[in-house]
C-alpha cells in the first residue's frame, strides 16, 4: 500500500501542503479532485521525490520513502505521468519508450505489448515524439510510464486539452493497466470523469484534504462544494 501520513511540503518559505493523509491500495484507482492551486501536483511531486519531505510522511508497504530520489522510487515501482507529458523532443517515440524501459523494472508491460495494445503508435515509432498530435503524445507519455512496469502510476491531468476520442483512448489504456494489477492515482479536472473512473476520491483545497469518500456513492453537490471551497 502507498500512503502519505501528515504530509507537509514547502517551496522555500511557502507551505503548499498541510497534514495530507491519503492511501492507495493494490489495483485501486484513486482520484484527486480540486481546483488549480489546491496542491494536487505538489502532492504528486512529493510522493515521487521531486519535493523534499519528511521520510516518514510517505510510506510504501510501511517502509518510509519520503525524500527518496526519483530513480530509487522508480525502482520501487512508483511512476508519474506529468502534466504536459514532458516527452524528450530530441528522441523518437520508440527511443522515449526504450529509455523508460531500460530505467524501469521488468514486468508484463514491454514495448512490443504496448504497440500491440496501441496499434496507432506502431507506424509512428520513428517519428519525433513531440511531432505527434496531443492525443498521440499523451498515449506515448502513458505508455512510457507503463513500460517502466509501475506498481503505482500517478497520472497528472492526462486528459487536459485532448479531444473526446483521445480521452477515450487514454482511459482505455489506463483500464488495461489497472486490470494488470497497477494502482492508479488520478488527477483529473473533469470531476464526473474522475469519479466514474475511480474507486475512491479525495478533494483537496488550499493544500489540505477537505473531503474523501467512495466514488460510486459520492454526493456530487457535496463534491462540487468542496471543489470550489463553498
C-alpha atoms as a PDB file:
ATOM      1  CA  UNK A   1       0.000   0.000   0.000  1.00  0.00           C
ATOM      2  CA  UNK A   2       1.146   3.531  -0.804  1.00  0.00           C
ATOM      3  CA  UNK A   3       0.209   6.165   1.757  1.00  0.00           C
ATOM      4  CA  UNK A   4       1.024   9.633   2.972  1.00  0.00           C
ATOM      5  CA  UNK A   5       0.724  10.437   6.674  1.00  0.00           C
ATOM      6  CA  UNK A   6       0.521  14.036   7.871  1.00  0.00           C
ATOM      7  CA  UNK A   7       2.445  15.135   4.791  1.00  0.00           C
ATOM      8  CA  UNK A   8       3.573  18.734   4.663  1.00  0.00           C
ATOM      9  CA  UNK A   9       5.500  20.271   1.772  1.00  0.00           C
ATOM     10  CA  UNK A  10       7.088  23.668   1.200  1.00  0.00           C
ATOM     11  CA  UNK A  11       8.587  25.669  -1.624  1.00  0.00           C
ATOM     12  CA  UNK A  12      11.077  27.765   0.271  1.00  0.00           C
ATOM     13  CA  UNK A  13       9.093  29.704   2.871  1.00  0.00           C
ATOM     14  CA  UNK A  14       5.769  28.955   1.206  1.00  0.00           C
ATOM     15  CA  UNK A  15       3.927  25.947   2.627  1.00  0.00           C
ATOM     16  CA  UNK A  16       1.951  24.185  -0.113  1.00  0.00           C
ATOM     17  CA  UNK A  17       0.658  21.079   1.703  1.00  0.00           C
ATOM     18  CA  UNK A  18      -0.687  20.732   5.233  1.00  0.00           C
ATOM     19  CA  UNK A  19      -1.122  17.403   7.049  1.00  0.00           C
ATOM     20  CA  UNK A  20      -2.159  15.437   3.942  1.00  0.00           C
ATOM     21  CA  UNK A  21      -3.014  11.779   4.571  1.00  0.00           C
ATOM     22  CA  UNK A  22      -4.166   9.523   1.731  1.00  0.00           C
ATOM     23  CA  UNK A  23      -3.776   5.844   0.910  1.00  0.00           C
ATOM     24  CA  UNK A  24      -3.889   3.757  -2.251  1.00  0.00           C
ATOM     25  CA  UNK A  25      -4.380   0.016  -2.140  1.00  0.00           C
ATOM     26  CA  UNK A  26      -3.341  -2.683  -4.619  1.00  0.00           C
ATOM     27  CA  UNK A  27      -5.087  -2.460  -8.022  1.00  0.00           C
ATOM     28  CA  UNK A  28      -7.079   0.542  -6.804  1.00  0.00           C
ATOM     29  CA  UNK A  29      -7.888   3.738  -8.694  1.00  0.00           C
ATOM     30  CA  UNK A  30      -7.984   6.843  -6.514  1.00  0.00           C
ATOM     31  CA  UNK A  31      -8.931  10.293  -7.812  1.00  0.00           C
ATOM     32  CA  UNK A  32      -7.540  13.580  -6.532  1.00  0.00           C
ATOM     33  CA  UNK A  33     -10.047  16.363  -7.130  1.00  0.00           C
ATOM     34  CA  UNK A  34      -9.528  20.086  -6.671  1.00  0.00           C
ATOM     35  CA  UNK A  35      -9.212  23.399  -8.428  1.00  0.00           C
ATOM     36  CA  UNK A  36      -5.930  24.865  -9.693  1.00  0.00           C
ATOM     37  CA  UNK A  37      -3.614  25.547  -6.787  1.00  0.00           C
ATOM     38  CA  UNK A  38      -5.256  23.007  -4.490  1.00  0.00           C
ATOM     39  CA  UNK A  39      -1.985  21.103  -4.083  1.00  0.00           C
ATOM     40  CA  UNK A  40      -2.603  18.038  -6.227  1.00  0.00           C
ATOM     41  CA  UNK A  41       0.529  18.320  -8.354  1.00  0.00           C
ATOM     42  CA  UNK A  42       2.635  19.187  -5.314  1.00  0.00           C
ATOM     43  CA  UNK A  43       1.349  16.042  -3.640  1.00  0.00           C
ATOM     44  CA  UNK A  44       2.454  14.009  -6.656  1.00  0.00           C
ATOM     45  CA  UNK A  45       5.863  15.668  -6.708  1.00  0.00           C
ATOM     46  CA  UNK A  46       6.245  14.980  -3.001  1.00  0.00           C
ATOM     47  CA  UNK A  47       5.471  11.301  -3.487  1.00  0.00           C
ATOM     48  CA  UNK A  48       7.909  10.817  -6.383  1.00  0.00           C
ATOM     49  CA  UNK A  49      10.772  12.671  -4.712  1.00  0.00           C
ATOM     50  CA  UNK A  50      10.768  15.961  -6.631  1.00  0.00           C
ATOM     51  CA  UNK A  51       9.888  17.875  -3.441  1.00  0.00           C
ATOM     52  CA  UNK A  52      11.769  17.104  -0.251  1.00  0.00           C
ATOM     53  CA  UNK A  53       9.547  15.861   2.564  1.00  0.00           C
ATOM     54  CA  UNK A  54       9.922  14.041   5.865  1.00  0.00           C
ATOM     55  CA  UNK A  55      10.840  10.385   5.226  1.00  0.00           C
ATOM     56  CA  UNK A  56       8.009   9.070   7.403  1.00  0.00           C
ATOM     57  CA  UNK A  57       5.352  11.171   5.672  1.00  0.00           C
ATOM     58  CA  UNK A  58       5.359   8.890   2.597  1.00  0.00           C
ATOM     59  CA  UNK A  59       5.272   5.121   3.066  1.00  0.00           C
ATOM     60  CA  UNK A  60       5.273   2.165   0.726  1.00  0.00           C
ATOM     61  CA  UNK A  61       4.212  -1.069   2.438  1.00  0.00           C
ATOM     62  CA  UNK A  62       5.017   0.628   5.767  1.00  0.00           C
ATOM     63  CA  UNK A  63       8.567   1.487   4.671  1.00  0.00           C
ATOM     64  CA  UNK A  64       9.381   5.230   4.899  1.00  0.00           C
ATOM     65  CA  UNK A  65      10.274   6.522   1.436  1.00  0.00           C
ATOM     66  CA  UNK A  66       9.676  10.268   1.706  1.00  0.00           C
ATOM     67  CA  UNK A  67      12.547  12.208   0.181  1.00  0.00           C
ATOM     68  CA  UNK A  68      13.982   9.230  -1.718  1.00  0.00           C
ATOM     69  CA  UNK A  69      15.415  10.048  -5.133  1.00  0.00           C
ATOM     70  CA  UNK A  70      13.176   9.778  -8.177  1.00  0.00           C
ATOM     71  CA  UNK A  71      15.401   6.991  -9.510  1.00  0.00           C
ATOM     72  CA  UNK A  72      15.061   4.903  -6.322  1.00  0.00           C
ATOM     73  CA  UNK A  73      11.312   5.437  -6.281  1.00  0.00           C
ATOM     74  CA  UNK A  74      11.143   4.378  -9.929  1.00  0.00           C
ATOM     75  CA  UNK A  75      12.901   1.165  -8.931  1.00  0.00           C
ATOM     76  CA  UNK A  76      10.341   0.729  -6.147  1.00  0.00           C
ATOM     77  CA  UNK A  77       7.564   0.931  -8.738  1.00  0.00           C
ATOM     78  CA  UNK A  78       6.258   4.492  -8.337  1.00  0.00           C
ATOM     79  CA  UNK A  79       5.999   6.298 -11.679  1.00  0.00           C
ATOM     80  CA  UNK A  80       4.370   9.582 -12.672  1.00  0.00           C
ATOM     81  CA  UNK A  81       2.844  10.767 -15.941  1.00  0.00           C
ATOM     82  CA  UNK A  82       3.418  14.520 -15.517  1.00  0.00           C
ATOM     83  CA  UNK A  83       1.091  17.255 -16.670  1.00  0.00           C
ATOM     84  CA  UNK A  84       2.287  18.450 -20.077  1.00  0.00           C
ATOM     85  CA  UNK A  85       3.718  14.987 -20.895  1.00  0.00           C
ATOM     86  CA  UNK A  86       7.387  16.119 -20.940  1.00  0.00           C
ATOM     87  CA  UNK A  87       8.435  13.822 -23.739  1.00  0.00           C
ATOM     88  CA  UNK A  88      12.010  14.188 -24.938  1.00  0.00           C
ATOM     89  CA  UNK A  89      11.725  16.240 -28.156  1.00  0.00           C
ATOM     90  CA  UNK A  90      15.079  15.054 -29.489  1.00  0.00           C
ATOM     91  CA  UNK A  91      14.021  11.400 -29.280  1.00  0.00           C
ATOM     92  CA  UNK A  92      11.625   9.373 -31.394  1.00  0.00           C
ATOM     93  CA  UNK A  93       8.549   7.671 -29.974  1.00  0.00           C
ATOM     94  CA  UNK A  94      10.470   4.393 -29.808  1.00  0.00           C
ATOM     95  CA  UNK A  95      13.501   5.994 -28.165  1.00  0.00           C
ATOM     96  CA  UNK A  96      11.332   7.606 -25.481  1.00  0.00           C
ATOM     97  CA  UNK A  97       9.889   4.183 -24.730  1.00  0.00           C
ATOM     98  CA  UNK A  98      13.260   2.429 -24.807  1.00  0.00           C
ATOM     99  CA  UNK A  99      14.736   4.904 -22.335  1.00  0.00           C
ATOM    100  CA  UNK A 100      11.908   4.269 -19.873  1.00  0.00           C
ATOM    101  CA  UNK A 101      12.109   0.500 -20.323  1.00  0.00           C
ATOM    102  CA  UNK A 102      15.854   0.496 -19.635  1.00  0.00           C
ATOM    103  CA  UNK A 103      15.481   2.530 -16.452  1.00  0.00           C
ATOM    104  CA  UNK A 104      12.334   0.809 -15.189  1.00  0.00           C
ATOM    105  CA  UNK A 105      11.573  -2.657 -13.910  1.00  0.00           C
ATOM    106  CA  UNK A 106      10.982  -5.945 -15.679  1.00  0.00           C
ATOM    107  CA  UNK A 107       7.357  -6.954 -15.995  1.00  0.00           C
ATOM    108  CA  UNK A 108       4.329  -7.564 -18.166  1.00  0.00           C
ATOM    109  CA  UNK A 109       4.496  -4.222 -19.997  1.00  0.00           C
ATOM    110  CA  UNK A 110       7.029  -4.425 -22.800  1.00  0.00           C
ATOM    111  CA  UNK A 111       7.370  -2.125 -25.786  1.00  0.00           C
ATOM    112  CA  UNK A 112       6.111  -4.932 -28.012  1.00  0.00           C
ATOM    113  CA  UNK A 113       2.992  -5.342 -25.885  1.00  0.00           C
ATOM    114  CA  UNK A 114       2.424  -1.591 -25.834  1.00  0.00           C
ATOM    115  CA  UNK A 115       2.488  -1.478 -29.637  1.00  0.00           C
ATOM    116  CA  UNK A 116       0.085  -4.407 -29.703  1.00  0.00           C
ATOM    117  CA  UNK A 117      -2.294  -2.503 -27.404  1.00  0.00           C
ATOM    118  CA  UNK A 118      -1.781   0.796 -29.222  1.00  0.00           C
ATOM    119  CA  UNK A 119      -1.562  -0.099 -32.874  1.00  0.00           C
ATOM    120  CA  UNK A 120      -1.844   3.590 -33.798  1.00  0.00           C
ATOM    121  CA  UNK A 121       1.655   4.203 -32.417  1.00  0.00           C
ATOM    122  CA  UNK A 122       3.490   1.461 -34.274  1.00  0.00           C
ATOM    123  CA  UNK A 123       3.745   3.296 -37.629  1.00  0.00           C
ATOM    124  CA  UNK A 124       4.738   6.454 -35.765  1.00  0.00           C
ATOM    125  CA  UNK A 125       7.547   4.844 -33.772  1.00  0.00           C
ATOM    126  CA  UNK A 126      10.393   6.520 -35.712  1.00  0.00           C
ATOM    127  CA  UNK A 127       8.872   9.996 -35.642  1.00  0.00           C
ATOM    128  CA  UNK A 128       9.955  12.627 -33.101  1.00  0.00           C
ATOM    129  CA  UNK A 129       7.650  12.159 -30.135  1.00  0.00           C
ATOM    130  CA  UNK A 130       6.685  15.824 -29.916  1.00  0.00           C
ATOM    131  CA  UNK A 131       5.675  15.941 -33.605  1.00  0.00           C
ATOM    132  CA  UNK A 132       2.582  13.826 -32.901  1.00  0.00           C
ATOM    133  CA  UNK A 133      -0.892  15.087 -32.104  1.00  0.00           C
ATOM    134  CA  UNK A 134      -1.712  15.903 -28.491  1.00  0.00           C
ATOM    135  CA  UNK A 135      -3.672  12.704 -28.042  1.00  0.00           C
ATOM    136  CA  UNK A 136      -0.919  10.580 -29.566  1.00  0.00           C
ATOM    137  CA  UNK A 137       1.683  12.270 -27.366  1.00  0.00           C
ATOM    138  CA  UNK A 138      -0.408  11.509 -24.302  1.00  0.00           C
ATOM    139  CA  UNK A 139      -0.591   7.852 -25.285  1.00  0.00           C
ATOM    140  CA  UNK A 140       3.205   7.854 -25.609  1.00  0.00           C
ATOM    141  CA  UNK A 141       3.516   9.507 -22.174  1.00  0.00           C
ATOM    142  CA  UNK A 142       1.259   6.924 -20.521  1.00  0.00           C
ATOM    143  CA  UNK A 143       2.941   4.133 -22.464  1.00  0.00           C
ATOM    144  CA  UNK A 144       6.368   5.373 -21.413  1.00  0.00           C
ATOM    145  CA  UNK A 145       5.267   5.111 -17.781  1.00  0.00           C
ATOM    146  CA  UNK A 146       3.790   1.652 -18.280  1.00  0.00           C
ATOM    147  CA  UNK A 147       6.915   0.110 -19.834  1.00  0.00           C
ATOM    148  CA  UNK A 148       8.685   1.013 -16.585  1.00  0.00           C
ATOM    149  CA  UNK A 149       6.233  -1.507 -15.044  1.00  0.00           C
ATOM    150  CA  UNK A 150       4.952   0.528 -12.110  1.00  0.00           C
ATOM    151  CA  UNK A 151       3.027  -0.791  -9.152  1.00  0.00           C
ATOM    152  CA  UNK A 152       1.678   2.736  -8.613  1.00  0.00           C
ATOM    153  CA  UNK A 153       1.021   5.059 -11.529  1.00  0.00           C
ATOM    154  CA  UNK A 154       0.411   8.743 -10.772  1.00  0.00           C
ATOM    155  CA  UNK A 155      -1.401  10.480 -13.635  1.00  0.00           C
ATOM    156  CA  UNK A 156      -1.470  14.282 -13.578  1.00  0.00           C
ATOM    157  CA  UNK A 157      -4.185  15.753 -15.838  1.00  0.00           C
ATOM    158  CA  UNK A 158      -3.900  13.076 -18.521  1.00  0.00           C
ATOM    159  CA  UNK A 159      -6.970  14.306 -20.433  1.00  0.00           C
ATOM    160  CA  UNK A 160      -6.320  18.055 -20.332  1.00  0.00           C
ATOM    161  CA  UNK A 161      -6.700  19.634 -23.766  1.00  0.00           C
ATOM    162  CA  UNK A 162      -7.402  16.359 -25.570  1.00  0.00           C
ATOM    163  CA  UNK A 163     -10.227  15.555 -27.948  1.00  0.00           C
ATOM    164  CA  UNK A 164     -13.006  13.269 -26.654  1.00  0.00           C
ATOM    165  CA  UNK A 165     -11.695  10.427 -28.839  1.00  0.00           C
ATOM    166  CA  UNK A 166      -8.165  10.845 -27.461  1.00  0.00           C
ATOM    167  CA  UNK A 167      -9.502  10.885 -23.893  1.00  0.00           C
ATOM    168  CA  UNK A 168     -11.323   7.620 -24.584  1.00  0.00           C
ATOM    169  CA  UNK A 169      -8.085   6.034 -25.845  1.00  0.00           C
ATOM    170  CA  UNK A 170      -6.073   7.215 -22.848  1.00  0.00           C
ATOM    171  CA  UNK A 171      -8.563   5.890 -20.318  1.00  0.00           C
ATOM    172  CA  UNK A 172      -8.884   2.590 -22.168  1.00  0.00           C
ATOM    173  CA  UNK A 173      -5.132   2.165 -21.728  1.00  0.00           C
ATOM    174  CA  UNK A 174      -5.336   3.049 -18.032  1.00  0.00           C
ATOM    175  CA  UNK A 175      -8.072   0.466 -17.522  1.00  0.00           C
ATOM    176  CA  UNK A 176      -5.813  -2.194 -19.052  1.00  0.00           C
ATOM    177  CA  UNK A 177      -3.042  -1.154 -16.681  1.00  0.00           C
ATOM    178  CA  UNK A 178      -5.385  -1.427 -13.715  1.00  0.00           C
ATOM    179  CA  UNK A 179      -6.614  -4.844 -14.900  1.00  0.00           C
ATOM    180  CA  UNK A 180      -2.994  -5.991 -14.833  1.00  0.00           C
ATOM    181  CA  UNK A 181      -2.613  -5.011 -11.183  1.00  0.00           C
ATOM    182  CA  UNK A 182      -1.319  -1.445 -11.382  1.00  0.00           C
ATOM    183  CA  UNK A 183      -2.741   1.002  -8.844  1.00  0.00           C
ATOM    184  CA  UNK A 184      -3.552   4.432 -10.270  1.00  0.00           C
ATOM    185  CA  UNK A 185      -3.787   7.846  -8.653  1.00  0.00           C
ATOM    186  CA  UNK A 186      -5.616  10.162 -10.976  1.00  0.00           C
ATOM    187  CA  UNK A 187      -5.665  13.958 -11.130  1.00  0.00           C
ATOM    188  CA  UNK A 188      -8.495  14.853 -13.481  1.00  0.00           C
ATOM    189  CA  UNK A 189     -10.087  18.295 -13.997  1.00  0.00           C
ATOM    190  CA  UNK A 190     -13.342  16.708 -15.154  1.00  0.00           C
ATOM    191  CA  UNK A 191     -14.983  15.790 -11.855  1.00  0.00           C
ATOM    192  CA  UNK A 192     -17.567  13.463 -13.399  1.00  0.00           C
ATOM    193  CA  UNK A 193     -14.853  11.602 -15.273  1.00  0.00           C
ATOM    194  CA  UNK A 194     -12.693  11.418 -12.155  1.00  0.00           C
ATOM    195  CA  UNK A 195     -15.489   9.880 -10.115  1.00  0.00           C
ATOM    196  CA  UNK A 196     -16.593   7.486 -12.850  1.00  0.00           C
ATOM    197  CA  UNK A 197     -13.059   6.150 -13.375  1.00  0.00           C
ATOM    198  CA  UNK A 198     -12.094   5.720  -9.703  1.00  0.00           C
ATOM    199  CA  UNK A 199     -12.917   3.630  -6.654  1.00  0.00           C
ATOM    200  CA  UNK A 200     -12.331   6.371  -4.088  1.00  0.00           C
ATOM    201  CA  UNK A 201     -11.637  10.091  -4.137  1.00  0.00           C
ATOM    202  CA  UNK A 202     -10.007  12.861  -2.147  1.00  0.00           C
ATOM    203  CA  UNK A 203     -10.952  16.509  -2.596  1.00  0.00           C
ATOM    204  CA  UNK A 204      -8.148  18.992  -1.938  1.00  0.00           C
ATOM    205  CA  UNK A 205      -8.380  22.684  -1.201  1.00  0.00           C
ATOM    206  CA  UNK A 206      -5.525  25.055  -0.377  1.00  0.00           C
ATOM    207  CA  UNK A 207      -3.119  22.208   0.349  1.00  0.00           C
ATOM    208  CA  UNK A 208      -5.460  20.185   2.544  1.00  0.00           C
ATOM    209  CA  UNK A 209      -7.758  17.194   2.094  1.00  0.00           C
ATOM    210  CA  UNK A 210     -11.253  18.528   2.808  1.00  0.00           C
ATOM    211  CA  UNK A 211     -13.413  15.614   1.652  1.00  0.00           C
ATOM    212  CA  UNK A 212     -12.970  11.929   0.865  1.00  0.00           C
ATOM    213  CA  UNK A 213     -15.207   9.002   0.085  1.00  0.00           C
ATOM    214  CA  UNK A 214     -16.261   6.225  -2.265  1.00  0.00           C
ATOM    215  CA  UNK A 215     -16.611   7.454  -5.824  1.00  0.00           C
ATOM    216  CA  UNK A 216     -19.651   5.332  -6.642  1.00  0.00           C
ATOM    217  CA  UNK A 217     -21.712   6.802  -3.818  1.00  0.00           C
ATOM    218  CA  UNK A 218     -20.313  10.343  -3.851  1.00  0.00           C
ATOM    219  CA  UNK A 219     -22.716  13.247  -3.364  1.00  0.00           C
ATOM    220  CA  UNK A 220     -21.925  15.293  -6.486  1.00  0.00           C
ATOM    221  CA  UNK A 221     -23.222  18.510  -4.906  1.00  0.00           C
ATOM    222  CA  UNK A 222     -21.012  17.989  -1.857  1.00  0.00           C
ATOM    223  CA  UNK A 223     -18.010  17.283  -4.088  1.00  0.00           C
ATOM    224  CA  UNK A 224     -18.703  20.468  -6.091  1.00  0.00           C
ATOM    225  CA  UNK A 225     -18.882  22.473  -2.880  1.00  0.00           C
ATOM    226  CA  UNK A 226     -15.542  21.044  -1.722  1.00  0.00           C
ATOM    227  CA  UNK A 227     -14.032  21.681  -5.172  1.00  0.00           C
ATOM    228  CA  UNK A 228     -14.980  25.345  -5.195  1.00  0.00           C
ATOM    229  CA  UNK A 229     -14.470  25.902  -1.489  1.00  0.00           C
ATOM    230  CA  UNK A 230     -18.028  26.917  -0.622  1.00  0.00           C
END
